[in-house]
PDB file of N, CA and C in Angstrom:
ATOM      1  N   UNK A   1     -12.318  -7.896  24.926  1.00  0.00           N
ATOM      2  CA  UNK A   1     -13.151  -6.727  24.940  1.00  0.00           C
ATOM      3  C   UNK A   1     -12.974  -6.001  26.233  1.00  0.00           C
ATOM      4  N   UNK A   2     -12.988  -4.628  26.110  1.00  0.00           N
ATOM      5  CA  UNK A   2     -12.721  -3.790  27.275  1.00  0.00           C
ATOM      6  C   UNK A   2     -13.946  -3.830  28.155  1.00  0.00           C
ATOM      7  N   UNK A   3     -13.698  -3.657  29.459  1.00  0.00           N
ATOM      8  CA  UNK A   3     -14.805  -3.653  30.407  1.00  0.00           C
ATOM      9  C   UNK A   3     -15.145  -2.189  30.785  1.00  0.00           C
ATOM     10  N   UNK A   4     -14.184  -1.267  30.692  1.00  0.00           N
ATOM     11  CA  UNK A   4     -14.408   0.026  31.124  1.00  0.00           C
ATOM     12  C   UNK A   4     -15.092   0.771  30.008  1.00  0.00           C
ATOM     13  N   UNK A   5     -16.105   1.667  30.376  1.00  0.00           N
ATOM     14  CA  UNK A   5     -16.959   2.333  29.420  1.00  0.00           C
ATOM     15  C   UNK A   5     -16.096   3.279  28.553  1.00  0.00           C
ATOM     16  N   UNK A   6     -15.149   3.917  29.108  1.00  0.00           N
ATOM     17  CA  UNK A   6     -14.381   4.926  28.347  1.00  0.00           C
ATOM     18  C   UNK A   6     -13.517   4.088  27.328  1.00  0.00           C
ATOM     19  N   UNK A   7     -13.049   2.904  27.574  1.00  0.00           N
ATOM     20  CA  UNK A   7     -12.326   2.166  26.690  1.00  0.00           C
ATOM     21  C   UNK A   7     -13.165   1.624  25.545  1.00  0.00           C
ATOM     22  N   UNK A   8     -14.421   1.256  25.860  1.00  0.00           N
ATOM     23  CA  UNK A   8     -15.348   0.849  24.832  1.00  0.00           C
ATOM     24  C   UNK A   8     -15.593   1.998  23.864  1.00  0.00           C
ATOM     25  N   UNK A   9     -15.781   3.204  24.410  1.00  0.00           N
ATOM     26  CA  UNK A   9     -16.014   4.300  23.491  1.00  0.00           C
ATOM     27  C   UNK A   9     -14.781   4.624  22.690  1.00  0.00           C
ATOM     28  N   UNK A  10     -13.574   4.466  23.227  1.00  0.00           N
ATOM     29  CA  UNK A  10     -12.399   4.731  22.388  1.00  0.00           C
ATOM     30  C   UNK A  10     -12.237   3.634  21.260  1.00  0.00           C
ATOM     31  N   UNK A  11     -12.692   2.473  21.556  1.00  0.00           N
ATOM     32  CA  UNK A  11     -12.666   1.471  20.425  1.00  0.00           C
ATOM     33  C   UNK A  11     -13.592   1.798  19.348  1.00  0.00           C
ATOM     34  N   UNK A  12     -14.791   2.301  19.734  1.00  0.00           N
ATOM     35  CA  UNK A  12     -15.728   2.712  18.648  1.00  0.00           C
ATOM     36  C   UNK A  12     -15.177   3.843  17.894  1.00  0.00           C
ATOM     37  N   UNK A  13     -14.589   4.921  18.618  1.00  0.00           N
ATOM     38  CA  UNK A  13     -14.124   6.072  17.952  1.00  0.00           C
ATOM     39  C   UNK A  13     -12.909   5.763  16.970  1.00  0.00           C
ATOM     40  N   UNK A  14     -12.123   4.758  17.484  1.00  0.00           N
ATOM     41  CA  UNK A  14     -10.999   4.400  16.645  1.00  0.00           C
ATOM     42  C   UNK A  14     -11.415   3.594  15.392  1.00  0.00           C
ATOM     43  N   UNK A  15     -12.444   2.841  15.434  1.00  0.00           N
ATOM     44  CA  UNK A  15     -12.987   2.193  14.231  1.00  0.00           C
ATOM     45  C   UNK A  15     -13.491   3.166  13.263  1.00  0.00           C
ATOM     46  N   UNK A  16     -14.216   4.228  13.717  1.00  0.00           N
ATOM     47  CA  UNK A  16     -14.753   5.245  12.748  1.00  0.00           C
ATOM     48  C   UNK A  16     -13.627   6.001  12.240  1.00  0.00           C
ATOM     49  N   UNK A  17     -12.586   6.324  12.954  1.00  0.00           N
ATOM     50  CA  UNK A  17     -11.461   7.048  12.378  1.00  0.00           C
ATOM     51  C   UNK A  17     -10.658   6.269  11.392  1.00  0.00           C
ATOM     52  N   UNK A  18     -10.658   4.933  11.600  1.00  0.00           N
ATOM     53  CA  UNK A  18      -9.939   4.056  10.737  1.00  0.00           C
ATOM     54  C   UNK A  18     -10.618   3.965   9.311  1.00  0.00           C
ATOM     55  N   UNK A  19     -11.914   3.927   9.404  1.00  0.00           N
ATOM     56  CA  UNK A  19     -12.805   3.921   8.127  1.00  0.00           C
ATOM     57  C   UNK A  19     -12.528   5.216   7.352  1.00  0.00           C
ATOM     58  N   UNK A  20     -12.531   6.397   8.096  1.00  0.00           N
ATOM     59  CA  UNK A  20     -12.416   7.649   7.456  1.00  0.00           C
ATOM     60  C   UNK A  20     -11.045   7.758   6.833  1.00  0.00           C
ATOM     61  N   UNK A  21     -10.059   7.374   7.587  1.00  0.00           N
ATOM     62  CA  UNK A  21      -8.712   7.418   7.077  1.00  0.00           C
ATOM     63  C   UNK A  21      -8.473   6.551   5.837  1.00  0.00           C
ATOM     64  N   UNK A  22      -8.979   5.343   5.861  1.00  0.00           N
ATOM     65  CA  UNK A  22      -8.911   4.357   4.779  1.00  0.00           C
ATOM     66  C   UNK A  22      -9.533   4.906   3.531  1.00  0.00           C
ATOM     67  N   UNK A  23     -10.703   5.564   3.712  1.00  0.00           N
ATOM     68  CA  UNK A  23     -11.420   6.048   2.598  1.00  0.00           C
ATOM     69  C   UNK A  23     -10.512   7.187   1.921  1.00  0.00           C
ATOM     70  N   UNK A  24      -9.968   8.088   2.660  1.00  0.00           N
ATOM     71  CA  UNK A  24      -9.176   9.118   2.089  1.00  0.00           C
ATOM     72  C   UNK A  24      -7.866   8.591   1.391  1.00  0.00           C
ATOM     73  N   UNK A  25      -7.293   7.690   1.999  1.00  0.00           N
ATOM     74  CA  UNK A  25      -5.989   7.150   1.375  1.00  0.00           C
ATOM     75  C   UNK A  25      -6.360   6.387   0.219  1.00  0.00           C
ATOM     76  N   UNK A  26      -7.464   5.628   0.153  1.00  0.00           N
ATOM     77  CA  UNK A  26      -7.879   4.923  -1.054  1.00  0.00           C
ATOM     78  C   UNK A  26      -8.211   5.868  -2.222  1.00  0.00           C
ATOM     79  N   UNK A  27      -8.898   6.927  -1.927  1.00  0.00           N
ATOM     80  CA  UNK A  27      -9.188   7.970  -2.908  1.00  0.00           C
ATOM     81  C   UNK A  27      -7.989   8.583  -3.544  1.00  0.00           C
ATOM     82  N   UNK A  28      -7.004   8.842  -2.644  1.00  0.00           N
ATOM     83  CA  UNK A  28      -5.754   9.365  -3.135  1.00  0.00           C
ATOM     84  C   UNK A  28      -5.021   8.456  -4.028  1.00  0.00           C
ATOM     85  N   UNK A  29      -4.987   7.155  -3.658  1.00  0.00           N
ATOM     86  CA  UNK A  29      -4.335   6.147  -4.506  1.00  0.00           C
ATOM     87  C   UNK A  29      -4.961   5.948  -5.818  1.00  0.00           C
ATOM     88  N   UNK A  30      -6.322   5.930  -5.850  1.00  0.00           N
ATOM     89  CA  UNK A  30      -7.005   5.739  -7.109  1.00  0.00           C
ATOM     90  C   UNK A  30      -6.869   6.987  -7.993  1.00  0.00           C
ATOM     91  N   UNK A  31      -6.842   8.099  -7.387  1.00  0.00           N
ATOM     92  CA  UNK A  31      -6.670   9.375  -8.229  1.00  0.00           C
ATOM     93  C   UNK A  31      -5.263   9.272  -8.825  1.00  0.00           C
ATOM     94  N   UNK A  32      -4.267   8.900  -8.090  1.00  0.00           N
ATOM     95  CA  UNK A  32      -2.872   8.744  -8.541  1.00  0.00           C
ATOM     96  C   UNK A  32      -2.802   7.763  -9.731  1.00  0.00           C
ATOM     97  N   UNK A  33      -3.662   6.697  -9.653  1.00  0.00           N
ATOM     98  CA  UNK A  33      -3.649   5.668 -10.621  1.00  0.00           C
ATOM     99  C   UNK A  33      -4.291   6.249 -11.977  1.00  0.00           C
ATOM    100  N   UNK A  34      -5.319   7.060 -11.806  1.00  0.00           N
ATOM    101  CA  UNK A  34      -5.923   7.647 -12.945  1.00  0.00           C
ATOM    102  C   UNK A  34      -4.996   8.611 -13.641  1.00  0.00           C
ATOM    103  N   UNK A  35      -4.122   9.334 -12.839  1.00  0.00           N
ATOM    104  CA  UNK A  35      -3.210  10.292 -13.346  1.00  0.00           C
ATOM    105  C   UNK A  35      -2.136   9.543 -14.194  1.00  0.00           C
ATOM    106  N   UNK A  36      -1.684   8.436 -13.739  1.00  0.00           N
ATOM    107  CA  UNK A  36      -0.678   7.636 -14.430  1.00  0.00           C
ATOM    108  C   UNK A  36      -1.214   7.094 -15.718  1.00  0.00           C
ATOM    109  N   UNK A  37      -2.574   6.778 -15.781  1.00  0.00           N
ATOM    110  CA  UNK A  37      -3.069   6.152 -16.965  1.00  0.00           C
ATOM    111  C   UNK A  37      -3.526   7.217 -17.994  1.00  0.00           C
ATOM    112  N   UNK A  38      -4.081   8.300 -17.539  1.00  0.00           N
ATOM    113  CA  UNK A  38      -4.549   9.344 -18.538  1.00  0.00           C
ATOM    114  C   UNK A  38      -3.498  10.352 -18.797  1.00  0.00           C
ATOM    115  N   UNK A  39      -2.660  10.654 -17.880  1.00  0.00           N
ATOM    116  CA  UNK A  39      -1.581  11.665 -18.001  1.00  0.00           C
ATOM    117  C   UNK A  39      -2.130  13.043 -18.423  1.00  0.00           C
ATOM    118  N   UNK A  40      -3.310  13.406 -17.688  1.00  0.00           N
ATOM    119  CA  UNK A  40      -3.892  14.713 -17.915  1.00  0.00           C
ATOM    120  C   UNK A  40      -3.566  15.758 -16.804  1.00  0.00           C
ATOM    121  N   UNK A  41      -3.354  16.964 -17.194  1.00  0.00           N
ATOM    122  CA  UNK A  41      -2.964  17.942 -16.187  1.00  0.00           C
ATOM    123  C   UNK A  41      -4.103  18.261 -15.208  1.00  0.00           C
ATOM    124  N   UNK A  42      -5.401  18.133 -15.679  1.00  0.00           N
ATOM    125  CA  UNK A  42      -6.558  18.354 -14.723  1.00  0.00           C
ATOM    126  C   UNK A  42      -6.633  17.306 -13.637  1.00  0.00           C
ATOM    127  N   UNK A  43      -6.321  15.961 -14.072  1.00  0.00           N
ATOM    128  CA  UNK A  43      -6.295  14.986 -13.072  1.00  0.00           C
ATOM    129  C   UNK A  43      -5.148  15.184 -12.018  1.00  0.00           C
ATOM    130  N   UNK A  44      -4.052  15.721 -12.581  1.00  0.00           N
ATOM    131  CA  UNK A  44      -2.875  15.940 -11.754  1.00  0.00           C
ATOM    132  C   UNK A  44      -3.148  16.961 -10.658  1.00  0.00           C
ATOM    133  N   UNK A  45      -3.837  18.000 -11.036  1.00  0.00           N
ATOM    134  CA  UNK A  45      -4.215  19.045 -10.066  1.00  0.00           C
ATOM    135  C   UNK A  45      -5.139  18.545  -8.996  1.00  0.00           C
ATOM    136  N   UNK A  46      -6.054  17.691  -9.342  1.00  0.00           N
ATOM    137  CA  UNK A  46      -6.932  17.096  -8.288  1.00  0.00           C
ATOM    138  C   UNK A  46      -6.169  16.138  -7.454  1.00  0.00           C
ATOM    139  N   UNK A  47      -5.130  15.430  -7.947  1.00  0.00           N
ATOM    140  CA  UNK A  47      -4.371  14.540  -7.209  1.00  0.00           C
ATOM    141  C   UNK A  47      -3.496  15.340  -6.208  1.00  0.00           C
ATOM    142  N   UNK A  48      -2.996  16.487  -6.688  1.00  0.00           N
ATOM    143  CA  UNK A  48      -2.217  17.427  -5.797  1.00  0.00           C
ATOM    144  C   UNK A  48      -3.096  17.851  -4.669  1.00  0.00           C
ATOM    145  N   UNK A  49      -4.346  18.252  -4.961  1.00  0.00           N
ATOM    146  CA  UNK A  49      -5.241  18.707  -3.921  1.00  0.00           C
ATOM    147  C   UNK A  49      -5.544  17.628  -2.880  1.00  0.00           C
ATOM    148  N   UNK A  50      -5.727  16.440  -3.335  1.00  0.00           N
ATOM    149  CA  UNK A  50      -6.009  15.328  -2.396  1.00  0.00           C
ATOM    150  C   UNK A  50      -4.774  14.997  -1.626  1.00  0.00           C
ATOM    151  N   UNK A  51      -3.614  15.095  -2.174  1.00  0.00           N
ATOM    152  CA  UNK A  51      -2.364  14.796  -1.452  1.00  0.00           C
ATOM    153  C   UNK A  51      -2.121  15.818  -0.286  1.00  0.00           C
ATOM    154  N   UNK A  52      -2.385  17.112  -0.734  1.00  0.00           N
ATOM    155  CA  UNK A  52      -2.196  18.202   0.225  1.00  0.00           C
ATOM    156  C   UNK A  52      -3.218  18.054   1.382  1.00  0.00           C
ATOM    157  N   UNK A  53      -4.505  17.706   1.092  1.00  0.00           N
ATOM    158  CA  UNK A  53      -5.447  17.517   2.087  1.00  0.00           C
ATOM    159  C   UNK A  53      -5.174  16.407   3.049  1.00  0.00           C
ATOM    160  N   UNK A  54      -4.708  15.300   2.503  1.00  0.00           N
ATOM    161  CA  UNK A  54      -4.339  14.109   3.390  1.00  0.00           C
ATOM    162  C   UNK A  54      -3.073  14.495   4.224  1.00  0.00           C
ATOM    163  N   UNK A  55      -2.229  15.293   3.704  1.00  0.00           N
ATOM    164  CA  UNK A  55      -1.021  15.680   4.404  1.00  0.00           C
ATOM    165  C   UNK A  55      -1.451  16.689   5.589  1.00  0.00           C
ATOM    166  N   UNK A  56      -2.342  17.620   5.288  1.00  0.00           N
ATOM    167  CA  UNK A  56      -2.750  18.587   6.317  1.00  0.00           C
ATOM    168  C   UNK A  56      -3.530  17.927   7.366  1.00  0.00           C
ATOM    169  N   UNK A  57      -4.233  16.804   7.130  1.00  0.00           N
ATOM    170  CA  UNK A  57      -4.963  16.139   8.183  1.00  0.00           C
ATOM    171  C   UNK A  57      -4.222  15.086   8.894  1.00  0.00           C
ATOM    172  N   UNK A  58      -2.935  14.862   8.387  1.00  0.00           N
ATOM    173  CA  UNK A  58      -2.086  13.964   9.165  1.00  0.00           C
ATOM    174  C   UNK A  58      -2.309  12.469   8.639  1.00  0.00           C
ATOM    175  N   UNK A  59      -2.959  12.280   7.528  1.00  0.00           N
ATOM    176  CA  UNK A  59      -3.081  10.905   7.113  1.00  0.00           C
ATOM    177  C   UNK A  59      -1.854  10.369   6.576  1.00  0.00           C
ATOM    178  N   UNK A  60      -1.075  11.245   5.751  1.00  0.00           N
ATOM    179  CA  UNK A  60       0.228  10.785   5.260  1.00  0.00           C
ATOM    180  C   UNK A  60       1.260  11.844   5.677  1.00  0.00           C
ATOM    181  N   UNK A  61       2.473  11.487   5.621  1.00  0.00           N
ATOM    182  CA  UNK A  61       3.634  12.338   5.959  1.00  0.00           C
ATOM    183  C   UNK A  61       3.778  13.381   4.810  1.00  0.00           C
ATOM    184  N   UNK A  62       4.446  14.531   5.209  1.00  0.00           N
ATOM    185  CA  UNK A  62       4.589  15.581   4.278  1.00  0.00           C
ATOM    186  C   UNK A  62       5.587  15.118   3.161  1.00  0.00           C
ATOM    187  N   UNK A  63       6.626  14.413   3.452  1.00  0.00           N
ATOM    188  CA  UNK A  63       7.526  13.929   2.468  1.00  0.00           C
ATOM    189  C   UNK A  63       6.897  12.974   1.479  1.00  0.00           C
ATOM    190  N   UNK A  64       6.003  12.155   2.052  1.00  0.00           N
ATOM    191  CA  UNK A  64       5.334  11.232   1.056  1.00  0.00           C
ATOM    192  C   UNK A  64       4.441  11.952   0.152  1.00  0.00           C
ATOM    193  N   UNK A  65       3.724  12.972   0.603  1.00  0.00           N
ATOM    194  CA  UNK A  65       2.934  13.756  -0.276  1.00  0.00           C
ATOM    195  C   UNK A  65       3.767  14.450  -1.321  1.00  0.00           C
ATOM    196  N   UNK A  66       4.898  14.982  -0.933  1.00  0.00           N
ATOM    197  CA  UNK A  66       5.804  15.654  -1.909  1.00  0.00           C
ATOM    198  C   UNK A  66       6.310  14.700  -2.942  1.00  0.00           C
ATOM    199  N   UNK A  67       6.699  13.529  -2.478  1.00  0.00           N
ATOM    200  CA  UNK A  67       7.226  12.430  -3.271  1.00  0.00           C
ATOM    201  C   UNK A  67       6.163  12.041  -4.365  1.00  0.00           C
ATOM    202  N   UNK A  68       5.007  11.791  -3.874  1.00  0.00           N
ATOM    203  CA  UNK A  68       3.960  11.415  -4.827  1.00  0.00           C
ATOM    204  C   UNK A  68       3.713  12.422  -5.806  1.00  0.00           C
ATOM    205  N   UNK A  69       3.653  13.688  -5.427  1.00  0.00           N
ATOM    206  CA  UNK A  69       3.314  14.736  -6.385  1.00  0.00           C
ATOM    207  C   UNK A  69       4.494  14.819  -7.397  1.00  0.00           C
ATOM    208  N   UNK A  70       5.685  14.683  -6.847  1.00  0.00           N
ATOM    209  CA  UNK A  70       6.809  14.797  -7.768  1.00  0.00           C
ATOM    210  C   UNK A  70       6.802  13.647  -8.853  1.00  0.00           C
ATOM    211  N   UNK A  71       6.498  12.476  -8.403  1.00  0.00           N
ATOM    212  CA  UNK A  71       6.481  11.343  -9.336  1.00  0.00           C
ATOM    213  C   UNK A  71       5.244  11.469 -10.361  1.00  0.00           C
ATOM    214  N   UNK A  72       4.149  11.893  -9.874  1.00  0.00           N
ATOM    215  CA  UNK A  72       3.069  12.113 -10.779  1.00  0.00           C
ATOM    216  C   UNK A  72       3.374  13.187 -11.823  1.00  0.00           C
ATOM    217  N   UNK A  73       3.922  14.196 -11.437  1.00  0.00           N
ATOM    218  CA  UNK A  73       4.296  15.384 -12.311  1.00  0.00           C
ATOM    219  C   UNK A  73       5.323  14.810 -13.385  1.00  0.00           C
ATOM    220  N   UNK A  74       6.242  13.975 -12.962  1.00  0.00           N
ATOM    221  CA  UNK A  74       7.249  13.364 -13.843  1.00  0.00           C
ATOM    222  C   UNK A  74       6.512  12.542 -14.954  1.00  0.00           C
ATOM    223  N   UNK A  75       5.561  11.748 -14.459  1.00  0.00           N
ATOM    224  CA  UNK A  75       4.903  10.918 -15.450  1.00  0.00           C
ATOM    225  C   UNK A  75       4.016  11.738 -16.461  1.00  0.00           C
ATOM    226  N   UNK A  76       3.445  12.775 -16.005  1.00  0.00           N
ATOM    227  CA  UNK A  76       2.597  13.613 -16.850  1.00  0.00           C
ATOM    228  C   UNK A  76       3.544  14.381 -17.922  1.00  0.00           C
ATOM    229  N   UNK A  77       4.692  14.767 -17.441  1.00  0.00           N
ATOM    230  CA  UNK A  77       5.528  15.531 -18.307  1.00  0.00           C
ATOM    231  C   UNK A  77       6.375  14.752 -19.239  1.00  0.00           C
ATOM    232  N   UNK A  78       6.381  13.429 -18.996  1.00  0.00           N
ATOM    233  CA  UNK A  78       7.115  12.531 -19.972  1.00  0.00           C
ATOM    234  C   UNK A  78       6.508  12.621 -21.356  1.00  0.00           C
ATOM    235  N   UNK A  79       7.409  12.746 -22.396  1.00  0.00           N
ATOM    236  CA  UNK A  79       6.966  12.746 -23.714  1.00  0.00           C
ATOM    237  C   UNK A  79       6.998  11.393 -24.285  1.00  0.00           C
ATOM    238  N   UNK A  80       6.244  11.166 -25.307  1.00  0.00           N
ATOM    239  CA  UNK A  80       6.168   9.906 -25.896  1.00  0.00           C
ATOM    240  C   UNK A  80       7.478   9.559 -26.600  1.00  0.00           C
ATOM    241  N   UNK A  81       8.029   8.325 -26.438  1.00  0.00           N
ATOM    242  CA  UNK A  81       9.286   8.040 -27.054  1.00  0.00           C
ATOM    243  C   UNK A  81       9.281   8.106 -28.517  1.00  0.00           C
ATOM    244  N   UNK A  82      10.315   8.702 -29.102  1.00  0.00           N
ATOM    245  CA  UNK A  82      10.478   8.809 -30.548  1.00  0.00           C
ATOM    246  C   UNK A  82      11.505   7.820 -31.030  1.00  0.00           C
ATOM    247  N   UNK A  83      11.216   7.349 -32.202  1.00  0.00           N
ATOM    248  CA  UNK A  83      12.178   6.329 -32.806  1.00  0.00           C
ATOM    249  C   UNK A  83      12.966   7.031 -33.889  1.00  0.00           C
ATOM    250  N   UNK A  84      14.183   7.019 -33.724  1.00  0.00           N
ATOM    251  CA  UNK A  84      15.170   7.572 -34.755  1.00  0.00           C
ATOM    252  C   UNK A  84      15.860   6.431 -35.566  1.00  0.00           C
ATOM    253  N   UNK A  85      15.502   6.388 -36.828  1.00  0.00           N
ATOM    254  CA  UNK A  85      16.185   5.325 -37.608  1.00  0.00           C
ATOM    255  C   UNK A  85      16.961   5.981 -38.780  1.00  0.00           C
TER     256      UNK A  85
END
């Protein structure tokens, strides 16, 4: 444990930031999971919004946000497989 008061404050601050970051990342992942299961466009737009917000705040990298959005859009746009006999 730190002895200096400023370091103790930094530890408290870091713990609060960690909780906030974790909450936002968890919400993004759960929204992505609902998009994959429901395949609704409305859920997709909400996932886009959360990914952009996390990217803007520096929680995730810009490329990761774009990759996530691309993959979610691909799953929503997939059509049901047809059987040709």
